[in-house]
N, C-alpha and C. Protein backbone atom coordinates (compact mmCIF):
# COMPACT_ATOMS: atom_id res chain seq x y z
N UNK A 1 9.61 1.37 5.54
CA UNK A 1 9.55 1.98 4.23
C UNK A 1 8.11 2.46 4.03
N UNK A 2 7.92 3.49 3.27
CA UNK A 2 6.51 3.88 3.20
C UNK A 2 5.79 3.31 2.18
N UNK A 3 4.53 2.83 2.52
CA UNK A 3 3.91 1.84 1.51
C UNK A 3 3.83 2.26 0.24
N UNK A 4 3.58 3.63 -0.14
CA UNK A 4 3.38 4.12 -1.33
C UNK A 4 4.69 3.95 -2.21
N UNK A 5 5.86 3.88 -1.55
CA UNK A 5 7.35 3.73 -2.28
C UNK A 5 7.24 2.30 -2.95
N UNK A 6 6.55 1.31 -2.23
CA UNK A 6 6.57 -0.12 -2.80
C UNK A 6 6.03 -0.27 -4.12
N UNK A 7 5.21 0.94 -4.53
CA UNK A 7 4.39 0.54 -5.89
C UNK A 7 4.75 1.86 -6.53
N UNK A 8 5.90 2.48 -6.48
CA UNK A 8 6.34 3.56 -7.19
C UNK A 8 7.24 2.91 -8.43
N UNK A 9 6.70 2.91 -9.48
CA UNK A 9 7.70 2.14 -10.62
C UNK A 9 8.11 3.22 -11.61
N UNK A 10 8.91 2.51 -12.41
CA UNK A 10 9.49 3.39 -13.37
C UNK A 10 9.19 3.13 -14.87
N UNK A 11 9.39 1.79 -15.55
CA UNK A 11 9.26 1.41 -16.73
C UNK A 11 7.77 1.18 -17.07
N UNK A 12 7.04 0.55 -15.94
CA UNK A 12 5.56 0.34 -15.86
C UNK A 12 4.93 1.41 -16.38
N UNK A 13 5.17 2.69 -16.16
CA UNK A 13 4.44 3.69 -16.52
C UNK A 13 5.00 4.49 -18.01
N UNK A 14 5.80 3.84 -18.60
CA UNK A 14 6.17 4.37 -19.96
C UNK A 14 5.05 4.17 -20.91
N UNK A 15 4.51 3.20 -21.07
CA UNK A 15 3.37 2.99 -21.76
C UNK A 15 2.16 2.77 -20.94
N UNK A 16 0.99 3.16 -21.30
CA UNK A 16 -0.17 3.09 -20.64
C UNK A 16 -0.71 1.69 -20.80
N UNK A 17 0.01 0.61 -20.26
CA UNK A 17 -0.42 -0.71 -20.41
C UNK A 17 -1.64 -1.24 -19.85
N UNK A 18 -2.08 -0.42 -18.90
CA UNK A 18 -3.41 -1.04 -18.08
C UNK A 18 -4.60 -0.90 -19.12
N UNK A 19 -4.68 -0.03 -19.74
CA UNK A 19 -5.94 0.27 -20.63
C UNK A 19 -5.57 -0.32 -22.23
N UNK A 20 -4.29 -0.80 -22.27
CA UNK A 20 -3.88 -1.52 -23.58
C UNK A 20 -3.95 -0.29 -24.65
N UNK A 21 -3.59 0.85 -24.33
CA UNK A 21 -3.38 2.02 -25.38
C UNK A 21 -2.13 2.20 -25.33
N UNK A 22 -1.49 2.14 -26.51
CA UNK A 22 -0.09 2.19 -26.70
C UNK A 22 0.16 3.79 -27.00
N UNK A 23 0.62 4.50 -25.93
CA UNK A 23 0.57 5.78 -25.99
C UNK A 23 1.81 6.26 -27.19
N UNK A 24 2.54 5.46 -27.52
CA UNK A 24 3.31 5.66 -28.66
C UNK A 24 2.68 5.86 -29.97
N UNK A 25 1.80 4.98 -30.04
CA UNK A 25 0.91 5.19 -31.40
C UNK A 25 -0.01 6.48 -31.35
N UNK A 26 -0.39 6.67 -30.20
CA UNK A 26 -1.07 8.07 -30.22
C UNK A 26 -0.32 9.12 -30.64
N UNK A 27 1.06 9.25 -30.01
CA UNK A 27 1.94 10.23 -30.24
C UNK A 27 2.04 10.31 -31.84
N UNK A 28 2.51 9.09 -32.52
CA UNK A 28 2.82 9.06 -33.85
C UNK A 28 1.78 9.45 -34.75
N UNK A 29 0.51 9.16 -34.25
CA UNK A 29 -0.53 9.28 -35.26
C UNK A 29 -1.55 10.67 -34.85
N UNK A 30 -0.83 11.53 -34.15
CA UNK A 30 -1.57 12.62 -33.48
C UNK A 30 -1.70 13.82 -34.85
N UNK A 31 -0.82 13.49 -35.72
CA UNK A 31 -0.76 14.43 -36.83
C UNK A 31 -0.85 13.92 -38.22
N UNK A 32 -1.69 12.90 -38.28
CA UNK A 32 -1.83 12.09 -39.47
C UNK A 32 -2.11 13.02 -40.73
N UNK A 33 -2.55 14.24 -40.59
CA UNK A 33 -2.79 14.89 -41.86
C UNK A 33 -1.40 15.89 -42.17
N UNK A 34 -0.52 15.78 -41.36
CA UNK A 34 0.78 16.39 -41.60
C UNK A 34 1.86 15.72 -42.18
N UNK A 35 2.23 15.72 -43.46
CA UNK A 35 3.15 14.89 -44.23
C UNK A 35 4.55 15.37 -44.89
N UNK A 36 5.03 16.26 -44.01
CA UNK A 36 6.13 16.93 -44.53
C UNK A 36 7.31 15.83 -44.65
N UNK A 37 8.14 15.98 -45.48
CA UNK A 37 9.32 14.95 -45.72
C UNK A 37 10.04 14.76 -44.31
N UNK A 38 10.37 15.82 -43.51
CA UNK A 38 11.21 15.73 -42.34
C UNK A 38 10.36 15.17 -41.39
N UNK A 39 9.12 15.46 -41.26
CA UNK A 39 8.22 14.92 -40.24
C UNK A 39 8.04 13.30 -40.49
N UNK A 40 7.87 12.98 -41.55
CA UNK A 40 7.74 11.55 -41.80
C UNK A 40 8.87 10.71 -41.57
N UNK A 41 10.10 11.50 -41.93
CA UNK A 41 11.36 10.85 -41.74
C UNK A 41 11.67 10.52 -40.32
N UNK A 42 11.50 11.66 -39.30
CA UNK A 42 11.96 11.41 -37.96
C UNK A 42 10.89 10.67 -37.36
N UNK A 43 9.49 10.58 -37.80
CA UNK A 43 8.65 9.85 -37.12
C UNK A 43 8.94 8.31 -37.40
N UNK A 44 9.51 8.00 -38.60
CA UNK A 44 9.69 6.59 -39.13
C UNK A 44 10.96 6.26 -38.19
N UNK A 45 11.91 6.96 -37.95
CA UNK A 45 13.18 6.54 -37.19
C UNK A 45 12.56 6.48 -35.70
N UNK A 46 11.63 7.23 -35.30
CA UNK A 46 11.22 7.14 -33.92
C UNK A 46 10.49 5.82 -33.87
N UNK A 47 9.66 5.55 -34.73
CA UNK A 47 8.86 4.19 -34.81
C UNK A 47 9.83 2.98 -34.79
N UNK A 48 10.78 3.10 -35.55
CA UNK A 48 11.80 2.17 -35.84
C UNK A 48 12.50 1.80 -34.44
N UNK A 49 13.02 2.90 -33.72
CA UNK A 49 13.53 2.59 -32.25
C UNK A 49 12.61 2.15 -31.32
N UNK A 50 11.52 2.72 -31.24
CA UNK A 50 10.45 2.33 -30.48
C UNK A 50 10.38 0.77 -30.53
N UNK A 51 10.24 0.21 -31.76
CA UNK A 51 9.84 -1.09 -31.97
C UNK A 51 11.10 -1.81 -31.44
N UNK A 52 12.16 -1.36 -31.80
CA UNK A 52 13.18 -2.25 -30.95
C UNK A 52 13.37 -2.25 -29.63
N UNK A 53 13.02 -1.34 -28.85
CA UNK A 53 13.26 -1.22 -27.39
C UNK A 53 11.83 -1.58 -26.63
N UNK A 54 10.62 -1.81 -27.37
CA UNK A 54 9.53 -1.95 -26.56
C UNK A 54 9.52 -3.24 -25.85
N UNK A 55 9.90 -4.49 -26.42
CA UNK A 55 9.94 -5.72 -25.67
C UNK A 55 10.89 -5.60 -24.43
N UNK A 56 11.84 -4.80 -24.35
CA UNK A 56 12.93 -4.56 -23.45
C UNK A 56 12.04 -3.80 -22.16
N UNK A 57 11.41 -2.72 -22.56
CA UNK A 57 10.61 -2.00 -21.69
C UNK A 57 9.52 -2.82 -21.07
N UNK A 58 8.77 -3.60 -21.89
CA UNK A 58 7.74 -4.41 -21.14
C UNK A 58 8.40 -5.34 -20.42
N UNK A 59 9.51 -5.81 -20.77
CA UNK A 59 10.13 -7.01 -19.87
C UNK A 59 10.61 -6.29 -18.41
N UNK A 60 11.01 -5.04 -18.55
CA UNK A 60 11.34 -4.42 -17.25
C UNK A 60 10.09 -4.11 -16.44
N UNK A 61 8.95 -3.68 -17.07
CA UNK A 61 7.75 -3.36 -16.57
C UNK A 61 7.25 -4.53 -15.82
N UNK A 62 7.44 -5.74 -16.51
CA UNK A 62 6.79 -6.91 -15.86
C UNK A 62 7.69 -7.31 -14.56
N UNK A 63 9.02 -7.15 -14.87
CA UNK A 63 9.71 -7.28 -13.63
C UNK A 63 9.42 -6.40 -12.39
N UNK A 64 9.23 -5.16 -12.63
CA UNK A 64 8.80 -4.25 -11.75
C UNK A 64 7.56 -4.68 -10.88
N UNK A 65 6.70 -5.10 -11.80
CA UNK A 65 5.38 -5.57 -11.31
C UNK A 65 5.65 -6.58 -10.30
N UNK A 66 6.32 -7.67 -10.73
CA UNK A 66 6.67 -8.70 -9.68
C UNK A 66 7.48 -8.23 -8.34
N UNK A 67 8.39 -7.58 -8.77
CA UNK A 67 9.36 -6.89 -7.47
C UNK A 67 8.30 -6.24 -6.50
N UNK A 68 7.65 -5.28 -7.52
CA UNK A 68 6.63 -4.51 -6.33
C UNK A 68 5.67 -5.38 -5.44
N UNK A 69 5.17 -6.33 -6.19
CA UNK A 69 4.34 -7.16 -5.55
C UNK A 69 4.91 -8.08 -4.50
N UNK A 70 6.17 -8.62 -4.49
CA UNK A 70 6.98 -9.39 -3.55
C UNK A 70 7.26 -8.44 -2.43
N UNK A 71 7.45 -7.17 -2.93
CA UNK A 71 7.78 -6.30 -1.61
C UNK A 71 6.51 -6.08 -0.69
N UNK A 72 5.48 -5.85 -1.51
CA UNK A 72 3.94 -5.54 -0.78
C UNK A 72 3.68 -6.83 -0.06
N UNK A 73 4.15 -7.96 -0.40
CA UNK A 73 3.78 -9.28 0.31
C UNK A 73 4.48 -9.34 1.66
N UNK A 74 5.55 -8.46 1.87
CA UNK A 74 6.20 -8.45 3.21
C UNK A 74 5.51 -7.64 4.23
N UNK A 75 4.06 -7.76 4.28
CA UNK A 75 3.27 -6.87 5.24
C UNK A 75 3.43 -7.34 6.43
N UNK A 76 2.94 -6.61 7.45
CA UNK A 76 2.63 -6.76 8.63
C UNK A 76 1.31 -6.40 9.06
N UNK A 77 0.70 -6.59 10.38
CA UNK A 77 -0.34 -6.11 10.90
C UNK A 77 -0.55 -4.43 10.65
N UNK A 78 0.66 -3.67 10.77
CA UNK A 78 0.53 -2.42 10.62
C UNK A 78 0.28 -1.73 9.38
N UNK A 79 0.40 -2.73 8.46
CA UNK A 79 0.20 -2.27 7.04
C UNK A 79 -1.24 -2.44 6.40
N UNK A 80 -2.03 -2.86 7.31
CA UNK A 80 -3.45 -3.18 6.80
C UNK A 80 -4.55 -2.23 7.31
N UNK A 81 -5.43 -2.19 6.43
CA UNK A 81 -6.57 -1.20 6.89
C UNK A 81 -7.77 -2.04 6.74
N UNK A 82 -8.56 -2.00 7.86
CA UNK A 82 -9.84 -2.65 7.98
C UNK A 82 -11.17 -1.85 7.49
N UNK A 83 -12.10 -2.35 6.95
CA UNK A 83 -13.23 -1.52 6.90
C UNK A 83 -14.51 -2.51 6.74
N UNK A 84 -15.66 -1.86 6.84
CA UNK A 84 -16.89 -2.72 7.08
C UNK A 84 -17.96 -2.41 5.70
N UNK A 85 -18.08 -3.38 5.07
CA UNK A 85 -19.09 -3.23 3.92
C UNK A 85 -20.26 -4.19 4.21
N UNK A 86 -21.32 -3.90 4.34
CA UNK A 86 -22.37 -4.76 4.74
C UNK A 86 -22.09 -5.57 5.86
N UNK A 87 -22.23 -6.85 5.82
CA UNK A 87 -21.86 -7.85 6.98
C UNK A 87 -20.68 -8.17 6.99
N UNK A 88 -19.71 -7.65 6.16
CA UNK A 88 -18.24 -8.16 6.09
C UNK A 88 -17.38 -7.12 6.44
N UNK A 89 -16.32 -7.69 7.04
CA UNK A 89 -15.28 -6.93 7.40
C UNK A 89 -14.02 -7.05 6.52
N UNK A 90 -13.45 -6.08 5.86
CA UNK A 90 -12.52 -6.29 4.80
C UNK A 90 -11.23 -5.83 5.49
N UNK A 91 -10.09 -6.43 4.82
CA UNK A 91 -8.77 -6.15 5.06
C UNK A 91 -8.06 -5.91 3.75
N UNK A 92 -7.34 -4.52 3.77
CA UNK A 92 -6.88 -4.34 2.71
C UNK A 92 -5.35 -3.70 2.77
N UNK A 93 -4.63 -3.81 1.93
CA UNK A 93 -3.31 -3.17 1.85
C UNK A 93 -2.78 -2.92 0.55
N UNK A 94 -1.57 -2.19 0.41
CA UNK A 94 -1.16 -1.69 -0.98
C UNK A 94 -0.84 -2.83 -1.75
N UNK A 95 -0.97 -2.82 -3.06
CA UNK A 95 -0.58 -3.94 -3.87
C UNK A 95 -0.85 -3.42 -5.41
N UNK A 96 0.26 -3.50 -6.15
CA UNK A 96 0.15 -3.12 -7.38
C UNK A 96 -0.20 -4.10 -8.49
N UNK A 97 -0.85 -4.04 -9.62
CA UNK A 97 -1.32 -4.88 -10.69
C UNK A 97 -1.45 -3.97 -11.59
N UNK A 98 -0.74 -4.09 -12.78
CA UNK A 98 -0.94 -3.28 -14.03
C UNK A 98 -2.37 -3.29 -14.61
N UNK A 99 -3.14 -4.37 -14.41
CA UNK A 99 -4.47 -4.49 -14.86
C UNK A 99 -5.55 -3.92 -13.96
N UNK A 100 -5.05 -3.40 -12.85
CA UNK A 100 -6.14 -2.94 -11.92
C UNK A 100 -5.87 -1.54 -11.59
N UNK A 101 -6.70 -0.67 -11.64
CA UNK A 101 -6.76 0.67 -11.29
C UNK A 101 -6.44 0.87 -9.89
N UNK A 102 -7.13 0.24 -9.14
CA UNK A 102 -6.81 0.19 -7.58
C UNK A 102 -5.39 -0.23 -7.14
N UNK A 103 -4.84 0.42 -6.43
CA UNK A 103 -3.51 0.04 -5.96
C UNK A 103 -3.46 -0.67 -4.57
N UNK A 104 -4.51 -1.41 -4.61
CA UNK A 104 -4.56 -2.36 -3.33
C UNK A 104 -5.06 -3.61 -3.56
N UNK A 105 -5.09 -4.59 -2.45
CA UNK A 105 -5.57 -5.81 -2.50
C UNK A 105 -6.61 -6.01 -1.40
N UNK A 106 -7.58 -6.64 -1.61
CA UNK A 106 -8.64 -6.68 -0.35
C UNK A 106 -9.03 -8.16 -0.26
N UNK A 107 -9.43 -8.45 1.08
CA UNK A 107 -9.75 -10.07 1.21
C UNK A 107 -10.93 -9.65 2.29
N UNK A 108 -11.80 -10.71 2.28
CA UNK A 108 -12.77 -10.60 3.39
C UNK A 108 -12.21 -11.47 4.51
N UNK A 109 -12.13 -10.54 5.61
CA UNK A 109 -11.42 -10.97 6.82
C UNK A 109 -12.39 -11.65 7.98
N UNK A 110 -13.71 -11.42 7.62
CA UNK A 110 -14.56 -11.91 8.57
C UNK A 110 -16.01 -11.30 8.56
N UNK A 111 -16.90 -11.96 9.14
CA UNK A 111 -18.21 -11.32 9.41
C UNK A 111 -18.52 -10.37 10.50
N UNK A 112 -19.14 -9.37 10.33
CA UNK A 112 -19.32 -8.42 11.45
C UNK A 112 -20.01 -8.96 12.52
N UNK A 113 -21.15 -9.86 12.26
CA UNK A 113 -21.85 -10.40 13.43
C UNK A 113 -21.20 -11.61 14.23
N UNK A 114 -20.02 -11.77 13.67
CA UNK A 114 -19.20 -12.85 14.39
C UNK A 114 -18.05 -12.38 14.97
N UNK A 115 -17.85 -11.24 14.59
CA UNK A 115 -16.42 -10.52 15.12
C UNK A 115 -16.65 -9.40 15.94
N UNK A 116 -17.73 -8.57 15.59
CA UNK A 116 -17.90 -7.42 16.46
C UNK A 116 -19.25 -7.52 17.37
N UNK A 117 -18.86 -8.55 18.35
CA UNK A 117 -19.82 -8.87 19.31
C UNK A 117 -19.19 -8.21 20.78
N UNK A 118 -20.22 -8.17 21.72
CA UNK A 118 -19.89 -7.77 23.12
C UNK A 118 -19.24 -6.35 23.02
N UNK A 119 -19.93 -5.34 22.33
CA UNK A 119 -19.35 -4.14 22.03
C UNK A 119 -17.98 -3.93 21.47
N UNK A 120 -17.46 -4.76 20.83
CA UNK A 120 -16.28 -4.72 20.13
C UNK A 120 -16.54 -3.66 19.06
N UNK A 121 -15.47 -3.05 18.66
CA UNK A 121 -15.48 -2.15 17.47
C UNK A 121 -14.56 -2.69 16.51
N UNK A 122 -14.48 -1.96 15.42
CA UNK A 122 -13.41 -2.19 14.39
C UNK A 122 -12.12 -2.07 14.90
N UNK A 123 -11.98 -0.90 15.42
CA UNK A 123 -10.73 -0.56 16.15
C UNK A 123 -10.11 -1.60 16.94
N UNK A 124 -11.07 -2.21 17.79
CA UNK A 124 -10.59 -3.33 18.67
C UNK A 124 -10.00 -4.49 18.01
N UNK A 125 -10.31 -4.83 16.48
CA UNK A 125 -9.79 -5.88 15.82
C UNK A 125 -8.39 -5.52 15.50
N UNK A 126 -7.92 -4.18 15.48
CA UNK A 126 -6.35 -4.03 15.27
C UNK A 126 -5.41 -4.47 16.30
N UNK A 127 -6.03 -4.65 17.57
CA UNK A 127 -5.51 -5.16 18.66
C UNK A 127 -5.43 -6.72 18.91
N UNK A 128 -6.30 -7.29 18.09
CA UNK A 128 -6.66 -8.65 18.39
C UNK A 128 -5.55 -9.50 17.55
N UNK A 129 -4.49 -9.97 18.07
CA UNK A 129 -3.35 -10.58 17.43
C UNK A 129 -3.77 -11.71 16.44
N UNK A 130 -4.79 -12.50 17.09
CA UNK A 130 -5.11 -13.75 16.16
C UNK A 130 -5.82 -13.17 14.88
N UNK A 131 -6.77 -12.25 15.11
CA UNK A 131 -7.51 -11.71 13.87
C UNK A 131 -6.38 -11.26 12.79
N UNK A 132 -5.60 -10.24 13.34
CA UNK A 132 -4.76 -9.64 12.43
C UNK A 132 -3.89 -10.46 11.82
N UNK A 133 -3.36 -11.59 12.61
CA UNK A 133 -2.50 -12.53 11.83
C UNK A 133 -3.25 -13.42 10.84
N UNK A 134 -4.38 -13.64 10.95
CA UNK A 134 -5.33 -14.43 10.10
C UNK A 134 -5.49 -13.43 8.89
N UNK A 135 -5.70 -12.02 9.18
CA UNK A 135 -5.92 -11.12 7.97
C UNK A 135 -4.45 -11.03 7.23
N UNK A 136 -3.52 -11.06 7.77
CA UNK A 136 -2.28 -10.89 7.07
C UNK A 136 -1.99 -12.26 6.33
N UNK A 137 -2.17 -13.23 6.83
CA UNK A 137 -2.25 -14.76 6.18
C UNK A 137 -2.95 -14.52 4.94
N UNK A 138 -4.12 -14.22 5.08
CA UNK A 138 -5.20 -14.35 3.87
C UNK A 138 -4.76 -13.36 2.76
N UNK A 139 -4.28 -12.08 3.14
CA UNK A 139 -3.75 -11.18 2.18
C UNK A 139 -2.44 -11.69 1.52
N UNK A 140 -1.52 -12.33 2.15
CA UNK A 140 -0.44 -12.79 1.55
C UNK A 140 -0.68 -13.99 0.64
N UNK A 141 -1.66 -14.83 1.02
CA UNK A 141 -2.02 -15.98 0.20
C UNK A 141 -2.77 -15.45 -1.09
N UNK A 142 -3.60 -14.27 -0.84
CA UNK A 142 -4.07 -13.66 -2.08
C UNK A 142 -3.29 -13.03 -3.20
N UNK A 143 -2.10 -12.47 -2.34
CA UNK A 143 -1.12 -11.90 -3.12
C UNK A 143 -0.31 -12.92 -3.92
N UNK A 144 0.11 -13.99 -3.35
CA UNK A 144 0.88 -14.98 -3.85
C UNK A 144 0.06 -15.67 -5.00
N UNK A 145 -1.31 -15.63 -5.07
CA UNK A 145 -2.26 -16.21 -6.14
C UNK A 145 -1.84 -15.30 -7.20
N UNK A 146 -2.05 -13.91 -6.94
CA UNK A 146 -1.65 -12.83 -8.11
C UNK A 146 -0.50 -13.12 -8.71
N UNK A 147 0.70 -13.25 -7.94
CA UNK A 147 2.09 -13.06 -8.38
C UNK A 147 2.12 -14.45 -9.11
N UNK A 148 1.64 -15.61 -8.66
CA UNK A 148 1.69 -17.09 -9.51
C UNK A 148 1.20 -16.85 -10.81
N UNK A 149 -0.05 -16.05 -11.04
CA UNK A 149 -0.50 -15.90 -12.51
C UNK A 149 0.45 -15.08 -13.28
N UNK A 150 1.27 -14.44 -12.85
CA UNK A 150 2.37 -13.62 -13.68
C UNK A 150 3.73 -14.42 -14.17
N UNK A 151 4.14 -15.21 -13.02
CA UNK A 151 5.51 -15.60 -13.12
C UNK A 151 5.78 -16.41 -14.51
N UNK A 152 4.88 -17.47 -14.78
CA UNK A 152 5.04 -18.34 -15.99
C UNK A 152 5.07 -17.27 -17.38
N UNK A 153 4.46 -16.42 -17.66
CA UNK A 153 4.60 -15.48 -18.57
C UNK A 153 5.77 -14.63 -18.57
N UNK A 154 6.18 -14.28 -17.40
CA UNK A 154 7.30 -13.42 -17.15
C UNK A 154 8.56 -14.11 -17.57
N UNK A 155 8.69 -15.46 -17.03
CA UNK A 155 9.78 -16.26 -17.15
C UNK A 155 10.07 -16.60 -18.70
N UNK A 156 8.75 -16.92 -19.44
CA UNK A 156 9.05 -17.16 -20.86
C UNK A 156 9.41 -15.79 -21.70
N UNK A 157 8.87 -14.69 -21.04
CA UNK A 157 9.17 -13.52 -22.01
C UNK A 157 10.86 -13.13 -21.65
N UNK A 158 11.29 -13.65 -20.68
CA UNK A 158 12.62 -13.24 -20.13
C UNK A 158 13.57 -14.28 -20.80
N UNK A 159 13.21 -15.34 -21.28
CA UNK A 159 14.02 -16.57 -21.92
C UNK A 159 15.22 -15.93 -22.78
N UNK A 160 14.86 -14.98 -23.49
CA UNK A 160 15.87 -14.36 -24.30
C UNK A 160 17.00 -13.88 -23.75
N UNK A 161 16.68 -13.36 -22.33
CA UNK A 161 17.84 -12.67 -21.65
C UNK A 161 18.67 -13.81 -21.10
N UNK A 162 18.36 -15.24 -21.28
CA UNK A 162 19.19 -16.19 -20.57
C UNK A 162 19.35 -16.15 -19.07
N UNK A 163 18.14 -15.55 -18.45
CA UNK A 163 18.29 -15.38 -17.00
C UNK A 163 17.55 -16.62 -16.25
N UNK A 164 16.76 -17.21 -16.71
CA UNK A 164 16.17 -18.31 -16.15
C UNK A 164 16.77 -19.58 -16.63
N UNK A 165 17.78 -19.54 -17.63
CA UNK A 165 18.40 -20.77 -18.17
C UNK A 165 19.07 -21.69 -17.09
N UNK A 166 19.43 -21.00 -16.06
CA UNK A 166 20.49 -21.45 -15.08
C UNK A 166 19.78 -22.66 -14.32
């Protein structure tokens, strides 16, 4: 599966949750100087419906985030991009977090002066099975840490659906 499809979400994009700007409020309040009876009536209905479904949409968005992250965690060496910054070699792969504009996760895979010796290049590291296995393990560990941060709140928010009661 193409990596970008792993983080293509549906409900997570309904509200601009990353910046904590509730786009519904922006929509409703964009015409504060206009107060015709019909406009006020339909905006009130709109707000009432939105208030009823917002918790459900947020629950679906939270589930999407976890599902996407679990999909991304199923990486192999082919899904990793290596780069050098300063004296460090970084490994990164696709990973969605609604609190982060970057759609990837990165770890320090090693030090340049320890890994790129004897005329080895960054490209050579892609063929180094032990190095790539270590990079995959470090990325998966970091991903799991991110996932573990979300699970308690997700399960608490989903209690009303009686899904985790079993």
